[in-house]
Amino acid sequence: MRPAVLPVLIIATGVVLVGCQKWTPIENPRPVLEEQVAVEQSERSYFRFHTGTSPTVMGQVAAIDEDSVWLGDGPDSGAAVPLDDQTVVELLGTDWVSTGFGVLGIAALAGVFVYAISDACCTW
């Protein structure tokens, strides 16, 4: 395989894996958010909060009380978000189906490159 093909495949794999994230709504967010407070800061997930037409707030949960959530890391760190029945809470997670198809696509692309290069260089 040519040396220039390997960096392209590594970059493409990184883009596919980062691009395969999705926001999933949480039906009953309070227990999930309380679990996040008990977890070490580096292992906490990212959440997105919004109510009606209010701006979307995003970050990791730092603390939770009876009517709000405090964010500790992310673009809106230090923000207090009201937590009521109208607040939509979404969790950022990996979309495994898209990730699987993306990785298979990159593997197929690598196979085509290897086949094309080996066929082209060995034919006189």
PDB file of N, CA and C in Angstrom:
ATOM      1  N   MET A   1       0.855  -1.172   0.000  1.00  0.00           N
ATOM      2  CA  MET A   1       0.000   0.000   0.000  1.00  0.00           C
ATOM      3  C   MET A   1       0.901   1.235   0.000  1.00  0.00           C
ATOM      4  N   ARG A   2       0.546   2.224  -0.768  1.00  0.00           N
ATOM      5  CA  ARG A   2       1.321   3.460  -0.837  1.00  0.00           C
ATOM      6  C   ARG A   2       1.279   4.189   0.500  1.00  0.00           C
ATOM      7  N   PRO A   3       2.371   4.898   0.851  1.00  0.00           N
ATOM      8  CA  PRO A   3       2.402   5.606   2.123  1.00  0.00           C
ATOM      9  C   PRO A   3       1.352   6.719   2.222  1.00  0.00           C
ATOM     10  N   ALA A   4       0.934   7.318   1.124  1.00  0.00           N
ATOM     11  CA  ALA A   4      -0.041   8.412   1.170  1.00  0.00           C
ATOM     12  C   ALA A   4      -1.450   7.916   1.440  1.00  0.00           C
ATOM     13  N   VAL A   5      -1.733   6.653   1.205  1.00  0.00           N
ATOM     14  CA  VAL A   5      -3.070   6.110   1.399  1.00  0.00           C
ATOM     15  C   VAL A   5      -3.362   5.906   2.890  1.00  0.00           C
ATOM     16  N   LEU A   6      -2.375   5.495   3.652  1.00  0.00           N
ATOM     17  CA  LEU A   6      -2.572   5.205   5.069  1.00  0.00           C
ATOM     18  C   LEU A   6      -3.051   6.430   5.863  1.00  0.00           C
ATOM     19  N   PRO A   7      -2.434   7.615   5.740  1.00  0.00           N
ATOM     20  CA  PRO A   7      -2.963   8.774   6.481  1.00  0.00           C
ATOM     21  C   PRO A   7      -4.393   9.140   6.084  1.00  0.00           C
ATOM     22  N   VAL A   8      -4.735   8.984   4.822  1.00  0.00           N
ATOM     23  CA  VAL A   8      -6.098   9.285   4.372  1.00  0.00           C
ATOM     24  C   VAL A   8      -7.085   8.336   5.028  1.00  0.00           C
ATOM     25  N   LEU A   9      -6.751   7.056   5.113  1.00  0.00           N
ATOM     26  CA  LEU A   9      -7.634   6.077   5.754  1.00  0.00           C
ATOM     27  C   LEU A   9      -7.763   6.339   7.256  1.00  0.00           C
ATOM     28  N   ILE A  10      -6.680   6.738   7.914  1.00  0.00           N
ATOM     29  CA  ILE A  10      -6.734   7.038   9.349  1.00  0.00           C
ATOM     30  C   ILE A  10      -7.617   8.250   9.597  1.00  0.00           C
ATOM     31  N   ILE A  11      -7.467   9.294   8.813  1.00  0.00           N
ATOM     32  CA  ILE A  11      -8.286  10.498   8.964  1.00  0.00           C
ATOM     33  C   ILE A  11      -9.751  10.176   8.669  1.00  0.00           C
ATOM     34  N   ALA A  12     -10.018   9.412   7.632  1.00  0.00           N
ATOM     35  CA  ALA A  12     -11.396   9.052   7.287  1.00  0.00           C
ATOM     36  C   ALA A  12     -12.039   8.228   8.401  1.00  0.00           C
ATOM     37  N   THR A  13     -11.293   7.303   8.994  1.00  0.00           N
ATOM     38  CA  THR A  13     -11.823   6.510  10.106  1.00  0.00           C
ATOM     39  C   THR A  13     -12.165   7.397  11.292  1.00  0.00           C
ATOM     40  N   GLY A  14     -11.297   8.337  11.609  1.00  0.00           N
ATOM     41  CA  GLY A  14     -11.569   9.278  12.699  1.00  0.00           C
ATOM     42  C   GLY A  14     -12.809  10.104  12.449  1.00  0.00           C
ATOM     43  N   VAL A  15     -12.985  10.580  11.229  1.00  0.00           N
ATOM     44  CA  VAL A  15     -14.157  11.384  10.887  1.00  0.00           C
ATOM     45  C   VAL A  15     -15.433  10.554  11.001  1.00  0.00           C
ATOM     46  N   VAL A  16     -15.393   9.332  10.543  1.00  0.00           N
ATOM     47  CA  VAL A  16     -16.576   8.460  10.625  1.00  0.00           C
ATOM     48  C   VAL A  16     -16.944   8.193  12.076  1.00  0.00           C
ATOM     49  N   LEU A  17     -15.954   7.885  12.903  1.00  0.00           N
ATOM     50  CA  LEU A  17     -16.243   7.558  14.297  1.00  0.00           C
ATOM     51  C   LEU A  17     -16.747   8.765  15.079  1.00  0.00           C
ATOM     52  N   VAL A  18     -16.221   9.935  14.813  1.00  0.00           N
ATOM     53  CA  VAL A  18     -16.706  11.141  15.480  1.00  0.00           C
ATOM     54  C   VAL A  18     -18.086  11.516  14.956  1.00  0.00           C
ATOM     55  N   GLY A  19     -18.324  11.329  13.685  1.00  0.00           N
ATOM     56  CA  GLY A  19     -19.596  11.684  13.075  1.00  0.00           C
ATOM     57  C   GLY A  19     -20.732  10.750  13.425  1.00  0.00           C
ATOM     58  N   CYS A  20     -20.444   9.638  14.057  1.00  0.00           N
ATOM     59  CA  CYS A  20     -21.483   8.663  14.376  1.00  0.00           C
ATOM     60  C   CYS A  20     -22.012   8.830  15.793  1.00  0.00           C
ATOM     61  N   GLN A  21     -22.099  10.054  16.253  1.00  0.00           N
ATOM     62  CA  GLN A  21     -22.681  10.359  17.555  1.00  0.00           C
ATOM     63  C   GLN A  21     -24.098  10.869  17.331  1.00  0.00           C
ATOM     64  N   LYS A  22     -24.991  10.590  18.267  1.00  0.00           N
ATOM     65  CA  LYS A  22     -26.350  11.096  18.132  1.00  0.00           C
ATOM     66  C   LYS A  22     -26.908  11.427  19.517  1.00  0.00           C
ATOM     67  N   TRP A  23     -27.879  12.324  19.533  1.00  0.00           N
ATOM     68  CA  TRP A  23     -28.563  12.707  20.762  1.00  0.00           C
ATOM     69  C   TRP A  23     -29.794  11.824  20.917  1.00  0.00           C
ATOM     70  N   THR A  24     -29.920  11.172  22.077  1.00  0.00           N
ATOM     71  CA  THR A  24     -31.043  10.300  22.367  1.00  0.00           C
ATOM     72  C   THR A  24     -31.851  10.880  23.521  1.00  0.00           C
ATOM     73  N   PRO A  25     -33.151  11.142  23.318  1.00  0.00           N
ATOM     74  CA  PRO A  25     -33.975  11.668  24.417  1.00  0.00           C
ATOM     75  C   PRO A  25     -34.091  10.655  25.565  1.00  0.00           C
ATOM     76  N   ILE A  26     -34.133  11.174  26.789  1.00  0.00           N
ATOM     77  CA  ILE A  26     -34.277  10.337  27.972  1.00  0.00           C
ATOM     78  C   ILE A  26     -35.674  10.557  28.540  1.00  0.00           C
ATOM     79  N   GLU A  27     -36.424   9.471  28.707  1.00  0.00           N
ATOM     80  CA  GLU A  27     -37.804   9.554  29.200  1.00  0.00           C
ATOM     81  C   GLU A  27     -37.878  10.024  30.648  1.00  0.00           C
ATOM     82  N   ASN A  28     -37.149   9.390  31.536  1.00  0.00           N
ATOM     83  CA  ASN A  28     -37.145   9.740  32.952  1.00  0.00           C
ATOM     84  C   ASN A  28     -35.723  10.160  33.326  1.00  0.00           C
ATOM     85  N   PRO A  29     -35.364  11.448  33.147  1.00  0.00           N
ATOM     86  CA  PRO A  29     -33.972  11.861  33.262  1.00  0.00           C
ATOM     87  C   PRO A  29     -33.403  11.912  34.681  1.00  0.00           C
ATOM     88  N   ARG A  30     -34.236  12.141  35.702  1.00  0.00           N
ATOM     89  CA  ARG A  30     -33.705  12.350  37.058  1.00  0.00           C
ATOM     90  C   ARG A  30     -32.790  11.211  37.540  1.00  0.00           C
ATOM     91  N   PRO A  31     -33.171   9.916  37.457  1.00  0.00           N
ATOM     92  CA  PRO A  31     -32.258   8.851  37.918  1.00  0.00           C
ATOM     93  C   PRO A  31     -30.955   8.805  37.121  1.00  0.00           C
ATOM     94  N   VAL A  32     -31.043   9.042  35.831  1.00  0.00           N
ATOM     95  CA  VAL A  32     -29.844   9.012  34.989  1.00  0.00           C
ATOM     96  C   VAL A  32     -28.910  10.150  35.376  1.00  0.00           C
ATOM     97  N   LEU A  33     -29.457  11.341  35.603  1.00  0.00           N
ATOM     98  CA  LEU A  33     -28.645  12.494  35.981  1.00  0.00           C
ATOM     99  C   LEU A  33     -28.040  12.315  37.372  1.00  0.00           C
ATOM    100  N   GLU A  34     -28.791  11.709  38.283  1.00  0.00           N
ATOM    101  CA  GLU A  34     -28.260  11.450  39.623  1.00  0.00           C
ATOM    102  C   GLU A  34     -27.111  10.449  39.584  1.00  0.00           C
ATOM    103  N   GLU A  35     -27.191   9.462  38.699  1.00  0.00           N
ATOM    104  CA  GLU A  35     -26.092   8.501  38.527  1.00  0.00           C
ATOM    105  C   GLU A  35     -24.840   9.202  38.017  1.00  0.00           C
ATOM    106  N   GLN A  36     -25.025  10.189  37.155  1.00  0.00           N
ATOM    107  CA  GLN A  36     -23.887  10.908  36.590  1.00  0.00           C
ATOM    108  C   GLN A  36     -23.106  11.681  37.652  1.00  0.00           C
ATOM    109  N   VAL A  37     -23.799  12.204  38.656  1.00  0.00           N
ATOM    110  CA  VAL A  37     -23.135  12.947  39.724  1.00  0.00           C
ATOM    111  C   VAL A  37     -22.224  12.015  40.526  1.00  0.00           C
ATOM    112  N   ALA A  38     -22.611  10.744  40.663  1.00  0.00           N
ATOM    113  CA  ALA A  38     -21.829   9.778  41.431  1.00  0.00           C
ATOM    114  C   ALA A  38     -20.601   9.268  40.680  1.00  0.00           C
ATOM    115  N   VAL A  39     -20.587   9.453  39.370  1.00  0.00           N
ATOM    116  CA  VAL A  39     -19.483   8.965  38.538  1.00  0.00           C
ATOM    117  C   VAL A  39     -18.353   9.998  38.539  1.00  0.00           C
ATOM    118  N   GLU A  40     -17.135   9.536  38.368  1.00  0.00           N
ATOM    119  CA  GLU A  40     -15.977  10.431  38.283  1.00  0.00           C
ATOM    120  C   GLU A  40     -16.139  11.403  37.107  1.00  0.00           C
ATOM    121  N   GLN A  41     -15.654  12.624  37.271  1.00  0.00           N
ATOM    122  CA  GLN A  41     -15.834  13.703  36.281  1.00  0.00           C
ATOM    123  C   GLN A  41     -15.399  13.286  34.872  1.00  0.00           C
ATOM    124  N   SER A  42     -14.295  12.595  34.742  1.00  0.00           N
ATOM    125  CA  SER A  42     -13.784  12.230  33.416  1.00  0.00           C
ATOM    126  C   SER A  42     -14.653  11.187  32.706  1.00  0.00           C
ATOM    127  N   GLU A  43     -15.504  10.483  33.440  1.00  0.00           N
ATOM    128  CA  GLU A  43     -16.337   9.436  32.858  1.00  0.00           C
ATOM    129  C   GLU A  43     -17.786   9.862  32.642  1.00  0.00           C
ATOM    130  N   ARG A  44     -18.108  11.119  32.931  1.00  0.00           N
ATOM    131  CA  ARG A  44     -19.481  11.592  32.780  1.00  0.00           C
ATOM    132  C   ARG A  44     -19.832  11.825  31.324  1.00  0.00           C
ATOM    133  N   SER A  45     -21.088  11.577  31.004  1.00  0.00           N
ATOM    134  CA  SER A  45     -21.590  11.765  29.643  1.00  0.00           C
ATOM    135  C   SER A  45     -22.020  13.217  29.438  1.00  0.00           C
ATOM    136  N   TYR A  46     -22.201  13.586  28.172  1.00  0.00           N
ATOM    137  CA  TYR A  46     -22.691  14.923  27.839  1.00  0.00           C
ATOM    138  C   TYR A  46     -24.201  14.868  27.620  1.00  0.00           C
ATOM    139  N   PHE A  47     -24.876  15.878  28.150  1.00  0.00           N
ATOM    140  CA  PHE A  47     -26.321  15.992  28.042  1.00  0.00           C
ATOM    141  C   PHE A  47     -26.685  17.316  27.398  1.00  0.00           C
ATOM    142  N   ARG A  48     -27.842  17.336  26.778  1.00  0.00           N
ATOM    143  CA  ARG A  48     -28.385  18.552  26.169  1.00  0.00           C
ATOM    144  C   ARG A  48     -29.761  18.786  26.776  1.00  0.00           C
ATOM    145  N   PHE A  49     -30.028  20.034  27.192  1.00  0.00           N
ATOM    146  CA  PHE A  49     -31.278  20.410  27.847  1.00  0.00           C
ATOM    147  C   PHE A  49     -31.944  21.535  27.072  1.00  0.00           C
ATOM    148  N   HIS A  50     -33.261  21.449  26.854  1.00  0.00           N
ATOM    149  CA  HIS A  50     -34.007  22.570  26.274  1.00  0.00           C
ATOM    150  C   HIS A  50     -35.479  22.453  26.639  1.00  0.00           C
ATOM    151  N   THR A  51     -36.094  23.633  26.734  1.00  0.00           N
ATOM    152  CA  THR A  51     -37.516  23.721  27.067  1.00  0.00           C
ATOM    153  C   THR A  51     -38.175  24.658  26.081  1.00  0.00           C
ATOM    154  N   GLY A  52     -39.150  24.169  25.335  1.00  0.00           N
ATOM    155  CA  GLY A  52     -39.885  25.022  24.395  1.00  0.00           C
ATOM    156  C   GLY A  52     -38.964  25.811  23.479  1.00  0.00           C
ATOM    157  N   THR A  53     -39.039  27.148  23.569  1.00  0.00           N
ATOM    158  CA  THR A  53     -38.221  28.002  22.703  1.00  0.00           C
ATOM    159  C   THR A  53     -36.963  28.502  23.402  1.00  0.00           C
ATOM    160  N   SER A  54     -36.691  28.024  24.629  1.00  0.00           N
ATOM    161  CA  SER A  54     -35.484  28.462  25.333  1.00  0.00           C
ATOM    162  C   SER A  54     -34.242  27.909  24.627  1.00  0.00           C
ATOM    163  N   PRO A  55     -33.107  28.581  24.780  1.00  0.00           N
ATOM    164  CA  PRO A  55     -31.887  28.092  24.124  1.00  0.00           C
ATOM    165  C   PRO A  55     -31.462  26.725  24.665  1.00  0.00           C
ATOM    166  N   THR A  56     -30.813  25.975  23.828  1.00  0.00           N
ATOM    167  CA  THR A  56     -30.310  24.668  24.227  1.00  0.00           C
ATOM    168  C   THR A  56     -29.042  24.852  25.044  1.00  0.00           C
ATOM    169  N   VAL A  57     -28.950  24.125  26.162  1.00  0.00           N
ATOM    170  CA  VAL A  57     -27.781  24.170  27.029  1.00  0.00           C
ATOM    171  C   VAL A  57     -27.187  22.773  27.036  1.00  0.00           C
ATOM    172  N   MET A  58     -25.834  22.697  26.996  1.00  0.00           N
ATOM    173  CA  MET A  58     -25.186  21.410  26.858  1.00  0.00           C
ATOM    174  C   MET A  58     -23.985  21.322  27.795  1.00  0.00           C
ATOM    175  N   GLY A  59     -23.746  20.143  28.367  1.00  0.00           N
ATOM    176  CA  GLY A  59     -22.576  19.925  29.212  1.00  0.00           C
ATOM    177  C   GLY A  59     -22.707  18.667  30.043  1.00  0.00           C
ATOM    178  N   GLN A  60     -21.738  18.490  30.955  1.00  0.00           N
ATOM    179  CA  GLN A  60     -21.757  17.368  31.873  1.00  0.00           C
ATOM    180  C   GLN A  60     -22.421  17.811  33.173  1.00  0.00           C
ATOM    181  N   VAL A  61     -23.084  16.891  33.835  1.00  0.00           N
ATOM    182  CA  VAL A  61     -23.784  17.196  35.078  1.00  0.00           C
ATOM    183  C   VAL A  61     -22.771  17.296  36.217  1.00  0.00           C
ATOM    184  N   ALA A  62     -22.802  18.420  36.943  1.00  0.00           N
ATOM    185  CA  ALA A  62     -21.937  18.603  38.107  1.00  0.00           C
ATOM    186  C   ALA A  62     -22.704  18.347  39.395  1.00  0.00           C
ATOM    187  N   ALA A  63     -23.955  18.796  39.445  1.00  0.00           N
ATOM    188  CA  ALA A  63     -24.787  18.618  40.638  1.00  0.00           C
ATOM    189  C   ALA A  63     -26.244  18.659  40.224  1.00  0.00           C
ATOM    190  N   ILE A  64     -27.089  18.098  41.077  1.00  0.00           N
ATOM    191  CA  ILE A  64     -28.524  18.102  40.815  1.00  0.00           C
ATOM    192  C   ILE A  64     -29.241  18.346  42.137  1.00  0.00           C
ATOM    193  N   ASP A  65     -30.232  19.223  42.111  1.00  0.00           N
ATOM    194  CA  ASP A  65     -31.068  19.410  43.299  1.00  0.00           C
ATOM    195  C   ASP A  65     -32.515  19.139  42.902  1.00  0.00           C
ATOM    196  N   GLU A  66     -33.464  19.496  43.738  1.00  0.00           N
ATOM    197  CA  GLU A  66     -34.838  19.085  43.469  1.00  0.00           C
ATOM    198  C   GLU A  66     -35.478  19.719  42.242  1.00  0.00           C
ATOM    199  N   ASP A  67     -35.002  20.899  41.809  1.00  0.00           N
ATOM    200  CA  ASP A  67     -35.642  21.530  40.650  1.00  0.00           C
ATOM    201  C   ASP A  67     -34.684  22.024  39.570  1.00  0.00           C
ATOM    202  N   SER A  68     -33.376  21.715  39.684  1.00  0.00           N
ATOM    203  CA  SER A  68     -32.438  22.151  38.644  1.00  0.00           C
ATOM    204  C   SER A  68     -31.208  21.251  38.582  1.00  0.00           C
ATOM    205  N   VAL A  69     -30.491  21.417  37.477  1.00  0.00           N
ATOM    206  CA  VAL A  69     -29.254  20.683  37.223  1.00  0.00           C
ATOM    207  C   VAL A  69     -28.163  21.722  36.993  1.00  0.00           C
ATOM    208  N   TRP A  70     -27.007  21.493  37.588  1.00  0.00           N
ATOM    209  CA  TRP A  70     -25.861  22.375  37.398  1.00  0.00           C
ATOM    210  C   TRP A  70     -24.864  21.679  36.494  1.00  0.00           C
ATOM    211  N   LEU A  71     -24.392  22.392  35.480  1.00  0.00           N
ATOM    212  CA  LEU A  71     -23.444  21.813  34.532  1.00  0.00           C
ATOM    213  C   LEU A  71     -22.024  22.174  34.936  1.00  0.00           C
ATOM    214  N   GLY A  72     -21.122  21.195  34.828  1.00  0.00           N
ATOM    215  CA  GLY A  72     -19.760  21.411  35.297  1.00  0.00           C
ATOM    216  C   GLY A  72     -18.717  21.467  34.217  1.00  0.00           C
ATOM    217  N   ASP A  73     -18.966  20.931  33.054  1.00  0.00           N
ATOM    218  CA  ASP A  73     -17.968  20.929  31.992  1.00  0.00           C
ATOM    219  C   ASP A  73     -18.695  21.047  30.667  1.00  0.00           C
ATOM    220  N   GLY A  74     -18.062  21.666  29.718  1.00  0.00           N
ATOM    221  CA  GLY A  74     -18.671  21.840  28.406  1.00  0.00           C
ATOM    222  C   GLY A  74     -18.861  23.304  28.093  1.00  0.00           C
ATOM    223  N   PRO A  75     -19.525  23.600  26.990  1.00  0.00           N
ATOM    224  CA  PRO A  75     -19.680  24.985  26.550  1.00  0.00           C
ATOM    225  C   PRO A  75     -20.515  25.839  27.498  1.00  0.00           C
ATOM    226  N   ASP A  76     -21.396  25.228  28.269  1.00  0.00           N
ATOM    227  CA  ASP A  76     -22.267  25.980  29.180  1.00  0.00           C
ATOM    228  C   ASP A  76     -21.953  25.655  30.635  1.00  0.00           C
ATOM    229  N   SER A  77     -20.663  25.456  30.977  1.00  0.00           N
ATOM    230  CA  SER A  77     -20.318  25.084  32.355  1.00  0.00           C
ATOM    231  C   SER A  77     -20.714  26.193  33.316  1.00  0.00           C
ATOM    232  N   GLY A  78     -21.149  25.784  34.495  1.00  0.00           N
ATOM    233  CA  GLY A  78     -21.592  26.720  35.513  1.00  0.00           C
ATOM    234  C   GLY A  78     -23.056  27.111  35.394  1.00  0.00           C
ATOM    235  N   ALA A  79     -23.719  26.676  34.339  1.00  0.00           N
ATOM    236  CA  ALA A  79     -25.123  27.039  34.121  1.00  0.00           C
ATOM    237  C   ALA A  79     -26.037  26.171  34.971  1.00  0.00           C
ATOM    238  N   ALA A  80     -27.092  26.789  35.453  1.00  0.00           N
ATOM    239  CA  ALA A  80     -28.147  26.049  36.154  1.00  0.00           C
ATOM    240  C   ALA A  80     -29.306  25.886  35.186  1.00  0.00           C
ATOM    241  N   VAL A  81     -29.741  24.662  35.010  1.00  0.00           N
ATOM    242  CA  VAL A  81     -30.823  24.361  34.077  1.00  0.00           C
ATOM    243  C   VAL A  81     -32.028  23.887  34.880  1.00  0.00           C
ATOM    244  N   PRO A  82     -33.196  24.526  34.689  1.00  0.00           N
ATOM    245  CA  PRO A  82     -34.380  24.036  35.413  1.00  0.00           C
ATOM    246  C   PRO A  82     -34.744  22.630  34.944  1.00  0.00           C
ATOM    247  N   LEU A  83     -35.082  21.787  35.888  1.00  0.00           N
ATOM    248  CA  LEU A  83     -35.444  20.406  35.570  1.00  0.00           C
ATOM    249  C   LEU A  83     -36.893  20.189  35.996  1.00  0.00           C
ATOM    250  N   ASP A  84     -37.783  20.245  35.004  1.00  0.00           N
ATOM    251  CA  ASP A  84     -39.202  20.019  35.271  1.00  0.00           C
ATOM    252  C   ASP A  84     -39.775  19.132  34.178  1.00  0.00           C
ATOM    253  N   ASP A  85     -41.073  18.970  34.140  1.00  0.00           N
ATOM    254  CA  ASP A  85     -41.715  18.094  33.155  1.00  0.00           C
ATOM    255  C   ASP A  85     -41.593  18.618  31.734  1.00  0.00           C
ATOM    256  N   GLN A  86     -41.328  19.912  31.568  1.00  0.00           N
ATOM    257  CA  GLN A  86     -41.241  20.519  30.236  1.00  0.00           C
ATOM    258  C   GLN A  86     -39.822  20.451  29.656  1.00  0.00           C
ATOM    259  N   THR A  87     -38.829  20.142  30.470  1.00  0.00           N
ATOM    260  CA  THR A  87     -37.440  20.109  30.020  1.00  0.00           C
ATOM    261  C   THR A  87     -37.164  18.813  29.271  1.00  0.00           C
ATOM    262  N   VAL A  88     -36.652  18.949  28.065  1.00  0.00           N
ATOM    263  CA  VAL A  88     -36.255  17.786  27.270  1.00  0.00           C
ATOM    264  C   VAL A  88     -34.771  17.543  27.535  1.00  0.00           C
ATOM    265  N   VAL A  89     -34.435  16.342  27.965  1.00  0.00           N
ATOM    266  CA  VAL A  89     -33.053  15.970  28.266  1.00  0.00           C
ATOM    267  C   VAL A  89     -32.630  14.917  27.259  1.00  0.00           C
ATOM    268  N   GLU A  90     -31.479  15.154  26.619  1.00  0.00           N
ATOM    269  CA  GLU A  90     -30.964  14.211  25.630  1.00  0.00           C
ATOM    270  C   GLU A  90     -29.532  13.826  25.995  1.00  0.00           C
ATOM    271  N   LEU A  91     -29.192  12.585  25.748  1.00  0.00           N
ATOM    272  CA  LEU A  91     -27.875  12.042  26.046  1.00  0.00           C
ATOM    273  C   LEU A  91     -27.102  11.842  24.749  1.00  0.00           C
ATOM    274  N   LEU A  92     -25.838  12.290  24.734  1.00  0.00           N
ATOM    275  CA  LEU A  92     -24.987  12.089  23.565  1.00  0.00           C
ATOM    276  C   LEU A  92     -24.373  10.698  23.645  1.00  0.00           C
ATOM    277  N   GLY A  93     -24.619   9.887  22.636  1.00  0.00           N
ATOM    278  CA  GLY A  93     -24.100   8.527  22.617  1.00  0.00           C
ATOM    279  C   GLY A  93     -23.694   8.106  21.215  1.00  0.00           C
ATOM    280  N   THR A  94     -23.090   6.961  21.138  1.00  0.00           N
ATOM    281  CA  THR A  94     -22.624   6.433  19.863  1.00  0.00           C
ATOM    282  C   THR A  94     -23.768   5.753  19.122  1.00  0.00           C
ATOM    283  N   ASP A  95     -23.905   6.061  17.855  1.00  0.00           N
ATOM    284  CA  ASP A  95     -24.860   5.378  16.983  1.00  0.00           C
ATOM    285  C   ASP A  95     -24.112   4.200  16.367  1.00  0.00           C
ATOM    286  N   TRP A  96     -24.277   3.034  16.967  1.00  0.00           N
ATOM    287  CA  TRP A  96     -23.483   1.868  16.581  1.00  0.00           C
ATOM    288  C   TRP A  96     -23.770   1.377  15.169  1.00  0.00           C
ATOM    289  N   VAL A  97     -24.976   1.551  14.690  1.00  0.00           N
ATOM    290  CA  VAL A  97     -25.301   1.118  13.327  1.00  0.00           C
ATOM    291  C   VAL A  97     -24.519   1.960  12.320  1.00  0.00           C
ATOM    292  N   SER A  98     -24.573   3.275  12.480  1.00  0.00           N
ATOM    293  CA  SER A  98     -23.833   4.156  11.575  1.00  0.00           C
ATOM    294  C   SER A  98     -22.330   3.924  11.687  1.00  0.00           C
ATOM    295  N   THR A  99     -21.853   3.701  12.908  1.00  0.00           N
ATOM    296  CA  THR A  99     -20.428   3.443  13.101  1.00  0.00           C
ATOM    297  C   THR A  99     -20.014   2.166  12.382  1.00  0.00           C
ATOM    298  N   GLY A 100     -20.833   1.117  12.518  1.00  0.00           N
ATOM    299  CA  GLY A 100     -20.517  -0.149  11.853  1.00  0.00           C
ATOM    300  C   GLY A 100     -20.479  -0.013  10.347  1.00  0.00           C
ATOM    301  N   PHE A 101     -21.487   0.662   9.779  1.00  0.00           N
ATOM    302  CA  PHE A 101     -21.492   0.870   8.331  1.00  0.00           C
ATOM    303  C   PHE A 101     -20.317   1.745   7.888  1.00  0.00           C
ATOM    304  N   GLY A 102     -19.986   2.738   8.689  1.00  0.00           N
ATOM    305  CA  GLY A 102     -18.857   3.613   8.352  1.00  0.00           C
ATOM    306  C   GLY A 102     -17.542   2.855   8.345  1.00  0.00           C
ATOM    307  N   VAL A 103     -17.314   2.026   9.351  1.00  0.00           N
ATOM    308  CA  VAL A 103     -16.080   1.249   9.421  1.00  0.00           C
ATOM    309  C   VAL A 103     -16.023   0.231   8.281  1.00  0.00           C
ATOM    310  N   LEU A 104     -17.158  -0.417   7.972  1.00  0.00           N
ATOM    311  CA  LEU A 104     -17.183  -1.348   6.836  1.00  0.00           C
ATOM    312  C   LEU A 104     -16.903  -0.622   5.523  1.00  0.00           C
ATOM    313  N   GLY A 105     -17.457   0.581   5.389  1.00  0.00           N
ATOM    314  CA  GLY A 105     -17.204   1.372   4.181  1.00  0.00           C
ATOM    315  C   GLY A 105     -15.734   1.733   4.036  1.00  0.00           C
ATOM    316  N   ILE A 106     -15.101   2.108   5.128  1.00  0.00           N
ATOM    317  CA  ILE A 106     -13.676   2.441   5.069  1.00  0.00           C
ATOM    318  C   ILE A 106     -12.842   1.199   4.782  1.00  0.00           C
ATOM    319  N   ALA A 107     -13.218   0.072   5.358  1.00  0.00           N
ATOM    320  CA  ALA A 107     -12.503  -1.173   5.064  1.00  0.00           C
ATOM    321  C   ALA A 107     -12.648  -1.541   3.587  1.00  0.00           C
ATOM    322  N   ALA A 108     -13.851  -1.353   3.042  1.00  0.00           N
ATOM    323  CA  ALA A 108     -14.059  -1.628   1.617  1.00  0.00           C
ATOM    324  C   ALA A 108     -13.230  -0.672   0.761  1.00  0.00           C
ATOM    325  N   LEU A 109     -13.194   0.601   1.172  1.00  0.00           N
ATOM    326  CA  LEU A 109     -12.391   1.586   0.439  1.00  0.00           C
ATOM    327  C   LEU A 109     -10.918   1.203   0.471  1.00  0.00           C
ATOM    328  N   ALA A 110     -10.435   0.755   1.620  1.00  0.00           N
ATOM    329  CA  ALA A 110      -9.041   0.313   1.725  1.00  0.00           C
ATOM    330  C   ALA A 110      -8.793  -0.887   0.823  1.00  0.00           C
ATOM    331  N   GLY A 111      -9.743  -1.810   0.787  1.00  0.00           N
ATOM    332  CA  GLY A 111      -9.595  -2.974  -0.089  1.00  0.00           C
ATOM    333  C   GLY A 111      -9.537  -2.590  -1.555  1.00  0.00           C
ATOM    334  N   VAL A 112     -10.369  -1.622  -1.955  1.00  0.00           N
ATOM    335  CA  VAL A 112     -10.346  -1.157  -3.349  1.00  0.00           C
ATOM    336  C   VAL A 112      -9.015  -0.493  -3.661  1.00  0.00           C
ATOM    337  N   PHE A 113      -8.504   0.322  -2.727  1.00  0.00           N
ATOM    338  CA  PHE A 113      -7.200   0.971  -2.945  1.00  0.00           C
ATOM    339  C   PHE A 113      -6.092  -0.067  -3.082  1.00  0.00           C
ATOM    340  N   VAL A 114      -6.074  -1.047  -2.196  1.00  0.00           N
ATOM    341  CA  VAL A 114      -5.038  -2.081  -2.247  1.00  0.00           C
ATOM    342  C   VAL A 114      -5.132  -2.858  -3.545  1.00  0.00           C
ATOM    343  N   TYR A 115      -6.338  -3.225  -3.951  1.00  0.00           N
ATOM    344  CA  TYR A 115      -6.516  -3.960  -5.198  1.00  0.00           C
ATOM    345  C   TYR A 115      -6.076  -3.119  -6.397  1.00  0.00           C
ATOM    346  N   ALA A 116      -6.470  -1.854  -6.426  1.00  0.00           N
ATOM    347  CA  ALA A 116      -6.124  -0.976  -7.556  1.00  0.00           C
ATOM    348  C   ALA A 116      -4.625  -0.736  -7.626  1.00  0.00           C
ATOM    349  N   ILE A 117      -4.003  -0.532  -6.489  1.00  0.00           N
ATOM    350  CA  ILE A 117      -2.560  -0.269  -6.482  1.00  0.00           C
ATOM    351  C   ILE A 117      -1.792  -1.525  -6.842  1.00  0.00           C
ATOM    352  N   SER A 118      -2.165  -2.677  -6.296  1.00  0.00           N
ATOM    353  CA  SER A 118      -1.435  -3.908  -6.587  1.00  0.00           C
ATOM    354  C   SER A 118      -1.628  -4.308  -8.041  1.00  0.00           C
ATOM    355  N   ASP A 119      -2.811  -4.092  -8.589  1.00  0.00           N
ATOM    356  CA  ASP A 119      -3.087  -4.424  -9.974  1.00  0.00           C
ATOM    357  C   ASP A 119      -2.341  -3.484 -10.916  1.00  0.00           C
ATOM    358  N   ALA A 120      -2.291  -2.202 -10.558  1.00  0.00           N
ATOM    359  CA  ALA A 120      -1.667  -1.204 -11.426  1.00  0.00           C
ATOM    360  C   ALA A 120      -0.140  -1.316 -11.417  1.00  0.00           C
ATOM    361  N   CYS A 121       0.433  -1.616 -10.250  1.00  0.00           N
ATOM    362  CA  CYS A 121       1.896  -1.632 -10.171  1.00  0.00           C
ATOM    363  C   CYS A 121       2.507  -2.920 -10.712  1.00  0.00           C
ATOM    364  N   CYS A 122       1.703  -3.993 -10.750  1.00  0.00           N
ATOM    365  CA  CYS A 122       2.240  -5.279 -11.151  1.00  0.00           C
ATOM    366  C   CYS A 122       1.950  -5.624 -12.599  1.00  0.00           C
ATOM    367  N   THR A 123       1.232  -4.784 -13.307  1.00  0.00           N
ATOM    368  CA  THR A 123       0.926  -5.048 -14.708  1.00  0.00           C
ATOM    369  C   THR A 123       1.940  -4.310 -15.570  1.00  0.00           C
ATOM    370  N   TRP A 124       2.596  -5.011 -16.440  1.00  0.00           N
ATOM    371  CA  TRP A 124       3.589  -4.384 -17.318  1.00  0.00           C
ATOM    372  C   TRP A 124       2.992  -4.128 -18.606  1.00  0.00           C
TER     373      TRP A 124
END
